N, C-alpha and C. Protein backbone atom coordinates (compact mmCIF):
# COMPACT_ATOMS: atom_id res chain seq x y z
N MET A 1 31.71 -28.23 -1.02
CA MET A 1 31.17 -27.12 -1.75
C MET A 1 29.65 -27.01 -1.52
N ARG A 2 28.96 -28.17 -1.50
CA ARG A 2 27.52 -28.14 -1.25
C ARG A 2 27.21 -27.60 0.13
N LEU A 3 28.04 -27.95 1.10
CA LEU A 3 27.84 -27.45 2.46
C LEU A 3 27.94 -25.93 2.50
N ILE A 4 28.91 -25.39 1.81
CA ILE A 4 29.09 -23.93 1.77
C ILE A 4 27.89 -23.28 1.10
N ALA A 5 27.43 -23.86 -0.01
CA ALA A 5 26.27 -23.31 -0.72
C ALA A 5 25.04 -23.37 0.16
N THR A 6 24.84 -24.48 0.86
CA THR A 6 23.69 -24.62 1.75
C THR A 6 23.75 -23.60 2.88
N LEU A 7 24.90 -23.42 3.48
CA LEU A 7 25.05 -22.43 4.55
C LEU A 7 24.81 -21.02 4.02
N PHE A 8 25.29 -20.72 2.82
CA PHE A 8 25.08 -19.40 2.23
C PHE A 8 23.59 -19.14 2.03
N ILE A 9 22.89 -20.11 1.45
CA ILE A 9 21.45 -19.94 1.20
C ILE A 9 20.70 -19.80 2.52
N ALA A 10 21.02 -20.61 3.49
CA ALA A 10 20.36 -20.52 4.79
C ALA A 10 20.63 -19.17 5.45
N GLY A 11 21.85 -18.70 5.36
CA GLY A 11 22.20 -17.39 5.94
C GLY A 11 21.49 -16.26 5.23
N PHE A 12 21.40 -16.33 3.91
CA PHE A 12 20.71 -15.30 3.15
C PHE A 12 19.23 -15.27 3.52
N ALA A 13 18.61 -16.44 3.62
CA ALA A 13 17.20 -16.51 3.97
C ALA A 13 16.94 -15.93 5.35
N ALA A 14 17.85 -16.15 6.28
CA ALA A 14 17.69 -15.62 7.64
C ALA A 14 17.82 -14.11 7.67
N CYS A 15 18.57 -13.54 6.73
CA CYS A 15 18.78 -12.10 6.69
C CYS A 15 17.75 -11.38 5.84
N ALA A 16 16.97 -12.10 5.06
CA ALA A 16 15.99 -11.48 4.18
C ALA A 16 14.95 -10.75 5.02
N PRO A 17 14.41 -9.64 4.53
CA PRO A 17 13.40 -8.92 5.28
C PRO A 17 12.18 -9.80 5.53
N ALA A 18 11.70 -9.77 6.74
CA ALA A 18 10.57 -10.63 7.11
C ALA A 18 9.26 -9.93 6.84
N GLN A 19 8.57 -10.32 5.80
CA GLN A 19 7.21 -9.86 5.55
C GLN A 19 6.35 -11.08 5.74
N ASP A 20 6.19 -11.44 6.99
CA ASP A 20 5.64 -12.75 7.25
C ASP A 20 4.38 -12.74 8.08
N THR A 21 3.75 -11.61 8.25
CA THR A 21 2.53 -11.58 9.04
C THR A 21 1.35 -11.37 8.11
N PRO A 22 0.47 -12.35 7.98
CA PRO A 22 -0.68 -12.17 7.10
C PRO A 22 -1.74 -11.32 7.78
N ILE A 23 -2.38 -10.45 7.00
CA ILE A 23 -3.53 -9.69 7.48
C ILE A 23 -4.62 -9.78 6.43
N THR A 24 -5.84 -9.52 6.85
CA THR A 24 -6.98 -9.50 5.94
C THR A 24 -7.70 -8.18 6.12
N VAL A 25 -8.01 -7.54 5.01
CA VAL A 25 -8.76 -6.29 5.00
C VAL A 25 -10.20 -6.64 4.62
N SER A 26 -11.15 -6.06 5.35
CA SER A 26 -12.56 -6.33 5.09
C SER A 26 -13.26 -5.09 4.55
N ALA A 27 -14.34 -5.34 3.84
CA ALA A 27 -15.23 -4.26 3.37
C ALA A 27 -16.65 -4.79 3.49
N GLY A 28 -17.51 -4.01 4.09
CA GLY A 28 -18.89 -4.45 4.26
C GLY A 28 -19.01 -5.71 5.08
N GLY A 29 -18.08 -5.93 5.99
CA GLY A 29 -18.12 -7.09 6.87
C GLY A 29 -17.57 -8.36 6.26
N ALA A 30 -17.06 -8.29 5.03
CA ALA A 30 -16.53 -9.49 4.38
C ALA A 30 -15.05 -9.29 4.05
N PRO A 31 -14.24 -10.34 4.18
CA PRO A 31 -12.82 -10.23 3.82
C PRO A 31 -12.68 -10.03 2.31
N VAL A 32 -11.88 -9.01 1.91
CA VAL A 32 -11.75 -8.70 0.49
C VAL A 32 -10.30 -8.65 0.01
N LEU A 33 -9.34 -8.59 0.94
CA LEU A 33 -7.94 -8.45 0.53
C LEU A 33 -7.04 -9.11 1.57
N ALA A 34 -6.12 -9.94 1.09
CA ALA A 34 -5.12 -10.55 1.97
C ALA A 34 -3.77 -9.95 1.61
N LEU A 35 -3.01 -9.56 2.63
CA LEU A 35 -1.67 -9.00 2.46
C LEU A 35 -0.73 -9.64 3.45
N ARG A 36 0.55 -9.52 3.19
CA ARG A 36 1.57 -9.90 4.16
C ARG A 36 2.31 -8.62 4.51
N VAL A 37 2.42 -8.35 5.80
CA VAL A 37 3.04 -7.13 6.28
C VAL A 37 4.26 -7.48 7.13
N PRO A 38 5.16 -6.52 7.32
CA PRO A 38 6.34 -6.79 8.15
C PRO A 38 5.93 -7.24 9.56
N ARG A 39 6.70 -8.16 10.08
CA ARG A 39 6.48 -8.64 11.45
C ARG A 39 6.47 -7.44 12.39
N GLY A 40 5.52 -7.43 13.30
CA GLY A 40 5.43 -6.36 14.29
C GLY A 40 4.64 -5.15 13.82
N ALA A 41 4.14 -5.16 12.58
CA ALA A 41 3.36 -4.03 12.08
C ALA A 41 2.10 -3.86 12.93
N LYS A 42 1.74 -2.62 13.18
CA LYS A 42 0.49 -2.31 13.87
C LYS A 42 -0.55 -2.05 12.79
N VAL A 43 -1.67 -2.74 12.87
CA VAL A 43 -2.73 -2.62 11.88
C VAL A 43 -3.99 -2.16 12.59
N ALA A 44 -4.57 -1.07 12.09
CA ALA A 44 -5.80 -0.54 12.67
C ALA A 44 -6.78 -0.24 11.55
N THR A 45 -8.04 -0.64 11.74
CA THR A 45 -9.07 -0.37 10.75
C THR A 45 -10.15 0.49 11.39
N THR A 46 -10.50 1.56 10.69
CA THR A 46 -11.56 2.45 11.12
C THR A 46 -12.45 2.70 9.91
N GLY A 47 -13.67 2.21 9.96
CA GLY A 47 -14.55 2.35 8.80
C GLY A 47 -13.93 1.65 7.60
N GLY A 48 -13.80 2.36 6.50
CA GLY A 48 -13.22 1.80 5.29
C GLY A 48 -11.74 2.06 5.14
N HIS A 49 -11.08 2.50 6.19
CA HIS A 49 -9.66 2.85 6.15
C HIS A 49 -8.86 1.88 7.01
N THR A 50 -7.79 1.32 6.43
CA THR A 50 -6.88 0.46 7.18
C THR A 50 -5.51 1.12 7.20
N ALA A 51 -4.92 1.26 8.37
CA ALA A 51 -3.59 1.84 8.53
C ALA A 51 -2.63 0.76 8.97
N ILE A 52 -1.48 0.69 8.29
CA ILE A 52 -0.43 -0.27 8.61
C ILE A 52 0.80 0.54 8.98
N GLN A 53 1.28 0.39 10.20
CA GLN A 53 2.36 1.22 10.72
C GLN A 53 3.54 0.36 11.16
N THR A 54 4.73 0.69 10.67
CA THR A 54 5.99 0.10 11.12
C THR A 54 6.95 1.26 11.33
N PRO A 55 8.14 1.01 11.86
CA PRO A 55 9.09 2.13 12.00
C PRO A 55 9.47 2.79 10.67
N SER A 56 9.35 2.06 9.56
CA SER A 56 9.76 2.64 8.27
C SER A 56 8.63 2.77 7.28
N LEU A 57 7.37 2.60 7.73
CA LEU A 57 6.25 2.63 6.80
C LEU A 57 4.97 3.04 7.51
N ALA A 58 4.26 4.00 6.92
CA ALA A 58 2.90 4.35 7.34
C ALA A 58 2.04 4.24 6.09
N LEU A 59 1.41 3.07 5.91
CA LEU A 59 0.65 2.76 4.71
C LEU A 59 -0.83 2.81 5.02
N HIS A 60 -1.57 3.49 4.16
CA HIS A 60 -3.01 3.64 4.32
C HIS A 60 -3.71 2.96 3.15
N LEU A 61 -4.79 2.20 3.44
CA LEU A 61 -5.53 1.47 2.41
C LEU A 61 -7.01 1.77 2.50
N TRP A 62 -7.63 1.88 1.32
CA TRP A 62 -9.06 2.04 1.21
C TRP A 62 -9.58 1.13 0.10
N THR A 63 -10.81 0.65 0.25
CA THR A 63 -11.51 -0.02 -0.85
C THR A 63 -12.22 1.07 -1.63
N VAL A 64 -12.10 1.05 -2.95
CA VAL A 64 -12.71 2.08 -3.78
C VAL A 64 -14.07 1.57 -4.25
N ALA A 65 -15.12 2.09 -3.65
CA ALA A 65 -16.48 1.67 -3.99
C ALA A 65 -16.82 2.06 -5.42
N GLY A 66 -17.45 1.14 -6.14
CA GLY A 66 -17.95 1.43 -7.48
C GLY A 66 -16.92 1.35 -8.59
N ALA A 67 -15.65 1.21 -8.27
CA ALA A 67 -14.62 1.13 -9.31
C ALA A 67 -14.41 -0.34 -9.70
N LYS A 68 -14.32 -0.57 -11.00
CA LYS A 68 -14.04 -1.92 -11.50
C LYS A 68 -12.60 -2.07 -11.95
N THR A 69 -11.93 -0.94 -12.23
CA THR A 69 -10.53 -0.94 -12.66
C THR A 69 -9.81 0.20 -11.95
N PRO A 70 -8.49 0.12 -11.87
CA PRO A 70 -7.75 1.25 -11.29
C PRO A 70 -8.03 2.57 -12.01
N ASP A 71 -8.20 2.54 -13.32
CA ASP A 71 -8.49 3.77 -14.05
C ASP A 71 -9.83 4.38 -13.64
N ASP A 72 -10.82 3.53 -13.30
CA ASP A 72 -12.11 4.04 -12.82
C ASP A 72 -11.96 4.86 -11.55
N ALA A 73 -10.95 4.55 -10.75
CA ALA A 73 -10.75 5.21 -9.45
C ALA A 73 -9.97 6.53 -9.57
N LEU A 74 -9.35 6.77 -10.70
CA LEU A 74 -8.49 7.97 -10.84
C LEU A 74 -9.19 9.28 -10.48
N PRO A 75 -10.40 9.56 -10.98
CA PRO A 75 -11.01 10.86 -10.69
C PRO A 75 -11.28 11.15 -9.22
N GLY A 76 -11.47 10.11 -8.40
CA GLY A 76 -11.83 10.32 -6.99
C GLY A 76 -10.70 10.19 -6.00
N VAL A 77 -9.46 10.10 -6.47
CA VAL A 77 -8.34 9.84 -5.56
C VAL A 77 -8.21 10.91 -4.48
N ALA A 78 -8.23 12.18 -4.85
CA ALA A 78 -8.03 13.25 -3.86
C ALA A 78 -9.08 13.17 -2.75
N GLY A 79 -10.32 12.89 -3.09
CA GLY A 79 -11.37 12.77 -2.08
C GLY A 79 -11.22 11.53 -1.24
N LEU A 80 -10.76 10.47 -1.84
CA LEU A 80 -10.61 9.20 -1.13
C LEU A 80 -9.57 9.27 -0.02
N ILE A 81 -8.46 9.96 -0.26
CA ILE A 81 -7.37 10.00 0.72
C ILE A 81 -7.42 11.19 1.66
N GLN A 82 -8.47 12.01 1.59
CA GLN A 82 -8.49 13.27 2.33
C GLN A 82 -8.45 13.13 3.85
N SER A 83 -8.74 11.97 4.39
CA SER A 83 -8.60 11.80 5.85
C SER A 83 -7.14 11.82 6.27
N GLU A 84 -6.24 11.55 5.33
CA GLU A 84 -4.80 11.53 5.60
C GLU A 84 -4.04 12.65 4.91
N PHE A 85 -4.50 13.03 3.70
CA PHE A 85 -3.74 13.96 2.86
C PHE A 85 -4.73 14.76 2.03
N VAL A 86 -4.71 16.09 2.17
CA VAL A 86 -5.68 16.93 1.47
C VAL A 86 -5.01 17.73 0.35
N ASN A 87 -5.86 18.24 -0.54
CA ASN A 87 -5.40 19.06 -1.67
C ASN A 87 -4.40 18.32 -2.56
N PHE A 88 -4.54 16.99 -2.67
CA PHE A 88 -3.63 16.20 -3.49
C PHE A 88 -3.81 16.55 -4.96
N LYS A 89 -2.70 16.83 -5.62
CA LYS A 89 -2.68 17.12 -7.05
C LYS A 89 -1.66 16.19 -7.69
N ALA A 90 -2.13 15.21 -8.44
CA ALA A 90 -1.22 14.28 -9.09
C ALA A 90 -0.44 15.01 -10.19
N THR A 91 0.87 14.99 -10.07
CA THR A 91 1.73 15.61 -11.09
C THR A 91 2.37 14.56 -11.98
N ALA A 92 2.27 13.29 -11.58
CA ALA A 92 2.77 12.19 -12.40
C ALA A 92 1.87 10.99 -12.17
N THR A 93 1.56 10.30 -13.25
CA THR A 93 0.77 9.07 -13.18
C THR A 93 1.50 8.02 -14.00
N ASN A 94 1.81 6.90 -13.35
CA ASN A 94 2.55 5.83 -14.01
C ASN A 94 1.75 4.55 -13.98
N THR A 95 1.99 3.69 -14.95
CA THR A 95 1.42 2.35 -14.93
C THR A 95 2.47 1.41 -14.37
N ILE A 96 2.09 0.67 -13.33
CA ILE A 96 2.97 -0.31 -12.71
C ILE A 96 2.21 -1.63 -12.63
N THR A 97 2.84 -2.65 -12.11
CA THR A 97 2.19 -3.95 -11.95
C THR A 97 2.18 -4.31 -10.47
N ILE A 98 0.99 -4.66 -9.99
CA ILE A 98 0.84 -5.12 -8.61
C ILE A 98 0.21 -6.50 -8.67
N SER A 99 0.89 -7.47 -8.11
CA SER A 99 0.42 -8.86 -8.08
C SER A 99 0.00 -9.34 -9.46
N GLY A 100 0.79 -8.98 -10.47
CA GLY A 100 0.57 -9.47 -11.82
C GLY A 100 -0.48 -8.73 -12.62
N ALA A 101 -1.04 -7.66 -12.10
CA ALA A 101 -2.09 -6.92 -12.81
C ALA A 101 -1.69 -5.45 -12.94
N PRO A 102 -2.17 -4.77 -13.98
CA PRO A 102 -1.87 -3.35 -14.14
C PRO A 102 -2.43 -2.53 -12.98
N ALA A 103 -1.65 -1.57 -12.55
CA ALA A 103 -2.05 -0.66 -11.47
C ALA A 103 -1.61 0.74 -11.87
N ARG A 104 -2.15 1.73 -11.18
CA ARG A 104 -1.78 3.13 -11.45
C ARG A 104 -1.11 3.71 -10.21
N GLN A 105 0.02 4.37 -10.44
CA GLN A 105 0.76 5.03 -9.37
C GLN A 105 0.69 6.52 -9.63
N LEU A 106 0.21 7.27 -8.64
CA LEU A 106 0.09 8.72 -8.74
C LEU A 106 1.02 9.36 -7.73
N LEU A 107 1.72 10.38 -8.15
CA LEU A 107 2.65 11.11 -7.29
C LEU A 107 2.29 12.58 -7.34
N GLY A 108 2.36 13.25 -6.20
CA GLY A 108 2.09 14.67 -6.23
C GLY A 108 2.06 15.33 -4.86
N PRO A 109 2.00 16.66 -4.88
CA PRO A 109 1.99 17.43 -3.64
C PRO A 109 0.59 17.60 -3.07
N GLY A 110 0.57 18.08 -1.84
CA GLY A 110 -0.66 18.38 -1.14
C GLY A 110 -0.32 18.78 0.27
N THR A 111 -1.25 18.52 1.18
CA THR A 111 -1.10 18.93 2.57
C THR A 111 -1.45 17.78 3.50
N GLU A 112 -0.63 17.57 4.52
CA GLU A 112 -0.93 16.55 5.50
C GLU A 112 -2.18 16.94 6.29
N ALA A 113 -3.11 16.02 6.41
CA ALA A 113 -4.37 16.32 7.09
C ALA A 113 -4.19 16.53 8.58
N ASP A 114 -3.22 15.86 9.20
CA ASP A 114 -3.10 15.94 10.66
C ASP A 114 -2.51 17.25 11.16
N ASP A 115 -1.61 17.88 10.40
CA ASP A 115 -0.97 19.09 10.91
C ASP A 115 -0.91 20.24 9.90
N GLY A 116 -1.43 20.03 8.69
CA GLY A 116 -1.47 21.10 7.71
C GLY A 116 -0.13 21.40 7.05
N ASP A 117 0.87 20.58 7.29
CA ASP A 117 2.17 20.81 6.67
C ASP A 117 2.14 20.41 5.20
N PRO A 118 2.84 21.14 4.35
CA PRO A 118 2.92 20.74 2.94
C PRO A 118 3.72 19.44 2.82
N GLY A 119 3.38 18.64 1.83
CA GLY A 119 4.08 17.38 1.66
C GLY A 119 3.82 16.79 0.30
N ASN A 120 4.18 15.53 0.17
CA ASN A 120 3.99 14.78 -1.06
C ASN A 120 3.36 13.45 -0.72
N ALA A 121 2.60 12.91 -1.68
CA ALA A 121 1.97 11.61 -1.49
C ALA A 121 2.21 10.74 -2.71
N GLU A 122 2.19 9.44 -2.46
CA GLU A 122 2.21 8.45 -3.52
C GLU A 122 0.99 7.56 -3.29
N VAL A 123 0.18 7.44 -4.32
CA VAL A 123 -1.03 6.64 -4.25
C VAL A 123 -0.94 5.55 -5.32
N VAL A 124 -1.26 4.32 -4.94
CA VAL A 124 -1.31 3.22 -5.90
C VAL A 124 -2.74 2.69 -5.92
N LEU A 125 -3.32 2.68 -7.11
CA LEU A 125 -4.64 2.10 -7.33
C LEU A 125 -4.44 0.74 -7.97
N PHE A 126 -4.97 -0.30 -7.34
CA PHE A 126 -4.74 -1.66 -7.83
C PHE A 126 -6.00 -2.51 -7.62
N GLY A 127 -6.11 -3.56 -8.42
CA GLY A 127 -7.27 -4.43 -8.34
C GLY A 127 -6.91 -5.82 -7.89
N VAL A 128 -7.79 -6.41 -7.07
CA VAL A 128 -7.66 -7.79 -6.61
C VAL A 128 -9.07 -8.35 -6.46
N GLY A 129 -9.32 -9.50 -7.07
CA GLY A 129 -10.60 -10.18 -6.88
C GLY A 129 -11.81 -9.38 -7.30
N GLY A 130 -11.68 -8.57 -8.34
CA GLY A 130 -12.80 -7.78 -8.83
C GLY A 130 -13.07 -6.50 -8.06
N ARG A 131 -12.22 -6.17 -7.10
CA ARG A 131 -12.34 -4.92 -6.34
C ARG A 131 -11.11 -4.06 -6.59
N VAL A 132 -11.28 -2.76 -6.39
CA VAL A 132 -10.16 -1.83 -6.55
C VAL A 132 -9.84 -1.24 -5.18
N PHE A 133 -8.55 -1.11 -4.93
CA PHE A 133 -8.06 -0.58 -3.67
C PHE A 133 -7.14 0.60 -3.94
N ALA A 134 -7.06 1.49 -2.98
CA ALA A 134 -6.11 2.61 -3.03
C ALA A 134 -5.17 2.46 -1.85
N ALA A 135 -3.88 2.58 -2.12
CA ALA A 135 -2.85 2.55 -1.07
C ALA A 135 -2.12 3.88 -1.13
N CYS A 136 -1.78 4.43 0.02
CA CYS A 136 -1.15 5.75 0.06
C CYS A 136 -0.07 5.81 1.13
N VAL A 137 1.05 6.40 0.76
CA VAL A 137 2.06 6.85 1.71
C VAL A 137 2.24 8.33 1.48
N HIS A 138 2.56 9.07 2.53
CA HIS A 138 2.71 10.52 2.37
C HIS A 138 3.61 11.06 3.47
N GLY A 139 4.03 12.27 3.30
CA GLY A 139 4.84 12.93 4.32
C GLY A 139 5.45 14.21 3.79
N GLU A 140 6.15 14.87 4.67
CA GLU A 140 6.83 16.11 4.29
C GLU A 140 8.06 15.78 3.46
N LEU A 141 8.47 16.73 2.66
CA LEU A 141 9.65 16.60 1.80
C LEU A 141 9.58 15.32 0.97
N ASP A 142 10.56 14.42 1.12
CA ASP A 142 10.60 13.20 0.32
C ASP A 142 10.23 11.95 1.12
N GLN A 143 9.45 12.11 2.19
CA GLN A 143 9.08 10.96 3.03
C GLN A 143 8.32 9.90 2.24
N ALA A 144 7.41 10.31 1.36
CA ALA A 144 6.65 9.34 0.57
C ALA A 144 7.59 8.51 -0.30
N ALA A 145 8.56 9.15 -0.92
CA ALA A 145 9.52 8.42 -1.77
C ALA A 145 10.34 7.44 -0.94
N LYS A 146 10.67 7.80 0.29
CA LYS A 146 11.43 6.92 1.17
C LYS A 146 10.64 5.66 1.54
N GLU A 147 9.31 5.77 1.56
CA GLU A 147 8.46 4.65 1.94
C GLU A 147 8.00 3.82 0.73
N ARG A 148 8.34 4.27 -0.48
CA ARG A 148 7.87 3.62 -1.70
C ARG A 148 8.20 2.13 -1.75
N ALA A 149 9.45 1.77 -1.54
CA ALA A 149 9.86 0.36 -1.66
C ALA A 149 9.11 -0.52 -0.66
N ALA A 150 8.97 -0.05 0.57
CA ALA A 150 8.26 -0.84 1.58
C ALA A 150 6.78 -0.98 1.23
N MET A 151 6.16 0.09 0.71
CA MET A 151 4.77 0.03 0.30
C MET A 151 4.59 -0.97 -0.83
N LEU A 152 5.43 -0.87 -1.85
CA LEU A 152 5.30 -1.77 -3.00
C LEU A 152 5.56 -3.23 -2.61
N ALA A 153 6.47 -3.45 -1.67
CA ALA A 153 6.72 -4.82 -1.20
C ALA A 153 5.47 -5.41 -0.56
N VAL A 154 4.75 -4.64 0.23
CA VAL A 154 3.51 -5.11 0.84
C VAL A 154 2.46 -5.33 -0.25
N LEU A 155 2.31 -4.37 -1.16
CA LEU A 155 1.26 -4.47 -2.18
C LEU A 155 1.48 -5.65 -3.11
N GLN A 156 2.73 -6.02 -3.36
CA GLN A 156 3.00 -7.17 -4.23
C GLN A 156 2.50 -8.48 -3.64
N THR A 157 2.17 -8.49 -2.36
CA THR A 157 1.64 -9.71 -1.73
C THR A 157 0.12 -9.77 -1.79
N ALA A 158 -0.53 -8.75 -2.37
CA ALA A 158 -1.99 -8.65 -2.40
C ALA A 158 -2.61 -9.85 -3.12
N ARG A 159 -3.59 -10.44 -2.47
CA ARG A 159 -4.28 -11.62 -3.00
C ARG A 159 -5.74 -11.60 -2.54
N VAL A 160 -6.55 -12.43 -3.17
CA VAL A 160 -7.90 -12.66 -2.68
C VAL A 160 -7.76 -13.47 -1.40
N PRO A 161 -8.48 -13.13 -0.34
CA PRO A 161 -8.36 -13.90 0.90
C PRO A 161 -8.81 -15.34 0.71
N PRO A 162 -8.17 -16.26 1.42
CA PRO A 162 -8.62 -17.66 1.34
C PRO A 162 -10.01 -17.79 1.98
N ASN A 163 -10.74 -18.78 1.55
CA ASN A 163 -12.10 -19.00 2.08
C ASN A 163 -12.08 -19.31 3.53
């Protein structure tokens, strides 16, 4: 019986989704956020924007300057994400938990910055190590909702980077 249980656990672990690649996000030349992303994710940083791309996720991250809490960042969300999604209007705001701390999730319509198509975005404002970050997924129709679980799985790994 123990052998069967051991094989079951080993098989389950092998089939579990692999979020096993650590990345570090920097701001002002210093590491400020550690995440684990799916194996094979493409990560690109341009200025204060980090993009994480997989076949099932296009996640965008920004450090929110001057904000001490996720609520402090609420008024500037539309401006913060405008390189990816413009005219964002939050129609729902929820309180969720990211890495054990309160976070704000905003959902709403707007326009994709790259092609001008109407769409929807989901933005999560969360804090780690005394800094506030904004994470965003977006797309036409219900694409943002389809990426929600993958985005939240990455965000739940958010930590202060090791020294």
